[in-house]
Protein backbone atom coordinates (compact mmCIF):
# COMPACT_ATOMS: atom_id res chain seq x y z
CA MET A 1 51.61 5.14 81.50
CA ALA A 2 49.88 8.15 83.08
CA LEU A 3 52.05 7.76 86.19
CA ILE A 4 55.23 7.80 84.08
CA LEU A 5 54.07 10.92 82.21
CA LEU A 6 53.28 12.61 85.52
CA LEU A 7 56.70 11.69 86.89
CA ILE A 8 58.40 13.05 83.75
CA ALA A 9 56.42 16.31 84.00
CA VAL A 10 57.43 16.74 87.65
CA LEU A 11 61.09 16.04 86.84
CA VAL A 12 61.09 18.54 83.96
CA GLY A 13 59.56 21.18 86.25
CA LYS A 14 62.14 20.53 88.96
CA TRP A 15 64.98 20.62 86.42
CA SER A 16 63.77 23.99 85.15
CA GLN A 17 63.71 25.37 88.73
CA LEU A 18 67.17 23.98 89.43
CA ASN A 19 68.56 25.43 86.20
CA LYS A 20 67.14 28.88 87.02
CA THR A 21 68.67 28.73 90.51
CA MET A 22 72.05 27.70 89.06
CA GLU A 23 71.99 30.62 86.60
CA GLU A 24 71.19 33.12 89.36
CA THR A 25 73.93 31.66 91.55
CA LYS A 26 76.45 32.00 88.71
CA VAL A 27 75.62 35.70 88.38
CA LYS A 28 75.87 36.24 92.14
CA LEU A 29 79.24 34.47 92.28
CA THR A 30 80.57 36.55 89.39
CA VAL A 31 79.44 39.76 91.13
CA SER A 32 81.17 38.55 94.29
CA ASN A 33 84.37 37.76 92.35
CA PHE A 34 84.35 41.21 90.76
CA TYR A 35 83.99 42.90 94.13
CA ASN A 36 86.60 40.74 95.89
CA ASN A 37 89.14 41.22 93.10
CA ALA A 38 88.51 44.99 93.05
CA VAL A 39 89.13 45.07 96.82
CA SER A 40 92.33 43.03 96.36
CA LEU A 41 93.60 45.46 93.72
CA ARG A 42 92.70 48.40 95.97
CA ASN A 43 94.68 46.77 98.79
CA LEU A 44 97.62 46.29 96.41
CA TRP A 45 97.40 50.01 95.61
CA GLU A 46 97.54 50.82 99.35
CA LEU A 47 100.48 48.46 99.96
CA ASN A 48 102.45 50.01 97.08
CA ASP A 49 102.14 53.60 98.42
CA LYS A 50 99.22 54.55 96.17
CA PRO A 51 100.89 54.58 92.76
CA ASN A 52 99.21 56.18 89.77
CA TYR A 53 99.66 53.01 87.69
CA LEU A 54 100.30 49.31 88.23
CA THR A 55 100.73 46.44 85.81
CA VAL A 56 98.76 43.32 86.69
CA ASP A 57 98.55 40.30 84.37
CA ASN A 58 100.22 42.39 81.63
CA ILE A 59 97.48 45.02 81.90
CA GLU A 60 98.34 48.56 82.89
CA LEU A 61 95.69 49.90 85.19
CA SER A 62 95.23 53.18 86.93
CA PHE A 63 93.24 54.00 90.03
CA THR A 64 90.46 56.38 90.94
CA GLU A 65 91.04 59.04 93.55
CA PHE A 66 89.96 56.52 96.22
CA GLY A 67 92.14 53.70 94.91
CA TRP A 68 89.66 51.63 92.92
CA PRO A 69 91.18 49.92 89.88
CA ILE A 70 90.24 51.14 86.43
CA VAL A 71 91.59 50.55 82.93
CA ILE A 72 91.12 53.66 80.82
CA GLU A 73 91.83 53.79 77.10
CA SER A 74 90.73 56.68 74.88
CA ARG A 75 89.06 58.27 77.92
CA GLN A 76 86.73 55.28 78.36
CA ILE A 77 86.79 52.18 80.52
CA ASN A 78 88.18 49.18 78.65
CA CYS A 79 85.45 46.73 79.59
CA GLU A 80 87.21 43.66 78.20
CA LYS A 81 90.33 44.27 80.29
CA MET A 82 88.24 45.05 83.36
CA TRP A 83 86.47 41.70 82.90
CA PHE A 84 89.84 39.97 82.69
CA LEU A 85 91.09 41.67 85.88
CA LEU A 86 87.97 41.34 87.99
CA SER A 87 86.17 38.17 86.96
CA GLY A 88 88.85 35.81 88.19
CA ASP A 89 88.47 32.71 86.05
CA GLN A 90 87.13 34.00 82.73
CA GLU A 91 87.06 30.63 81.03
CA SER A 92 84.52 29.17 83.46
CA SER A 93 82.37 32.31 83.52
CA PRO A 94 82.46 34.06 80.15
CA TYR A 95 79.99 36.77 79.27
CA ILE A 96 77.60 36.47 76.33
CA THR A 97 77.49 40.15 75.38
CA LEU A 98 79.08 43.37 76.52
CA SER A 99 77.54 46.82 76.36
CA ASN A 100 79.22 50.16 77.02
CA LYS A 101 76.96 52.94 78.04
CA LYS A 102 77.33 56.46 79.30
CA THR A 103 75.88 57.14 82.75
CA VAL A 104 74.95 60.46 84.26
CA ASN A 105 76.55 59.89 87.68
CA SER A 106 79.86 58.49 86.48
CA ASN A 107 81.93 61.70 86.21
CA GLY A 108 82.67 61.02 82.58
CA TYR A 109 83.30 57.27 82.74
CA ASN A 110 81.26 54.84 80.73
CA SER A 111 79.84 51.80 82.46
CA CYS A 112 80.19 48.19 81.39
CA GLU A 113 77.26 45.83 81.31
CA TYR A 114 78.11 42.15 80.96
CA GLN A 115 75.34 39.74 80.09
CA ILE A 116 76.47 36.44 81.60
CA ILE A 117 73.41 34.33 80.88
CA ASP A 118 70.40 35.31 78.80
CA GLY A 119 68.84 38.25 80.65
CA LYS A 120 71.19 37.97 83.63
CA GLY A 121 74.47 39.75 84.24
CA LEU A 122 76.30 42.51 86.01
CA GLU A 123 77.06 46.17 85.60
CA LEU A 124 80.39 47.78 86.44
CA SER A 125 80.32 51.54 86.93
CA TYR A 126 82.05 54.30 88.86
CA GLU A 127 80.28 57.03 90.76
CA HIS A 128 82.17 59.76 92.61
CA GLU A 129 85.44 57.84 92.08
CA THR A 130 83.98 54.74 93.78
CA ILE A 131 83.42 51.43 92.02
CA HIS A 132 79.90 49.98 91.80
CA ILE A 133 79.28 46.36 90.86
CA ASP A 134 75.63 45.40 90.57
CA GLY A 135 74.06 42.14 89.44
CA PHE A 136 70.84 42.10 87.50
CA LEU A 137 68.39 39.30 86.95
CA THR A 138 65.74 40.02 84.36
CA GLN A 139 63.33 37.88 82.49
CA VAL A 140 62.65 38.74 78.89
CA THR A 141 59.11 37.91 77.85
CA MET A 142 58.05 37.81 74.24
């Protein structure tokens, strides 16, 4: 009986480690998708002679001075539409919560913080007309 309990304890510990690794991988893949899709949209901008606006997936987007895609509504980034454009497959990687916040270095743009899994997510911001996509992995302790 003690051997079975020990085996169960080891399996639960390994499952917890595996689950944590899977969560971190999901965040890293989402960050990678955001970046790759932003680069693809920037390339589309270049190939179309640097237009001021393009419509992609029924979303009208504009571009920063350096060609990075951005959806602006009411002088703020529309974080929901940016998620749709940059995440790729939203149904397999939805976000839990979304926060808009004002950043000092953003030249007037807000930034978007998507919490993908509890305490783990990514931040989309613009600094000096250049896109920044950063993942964050935090542990909340009570």
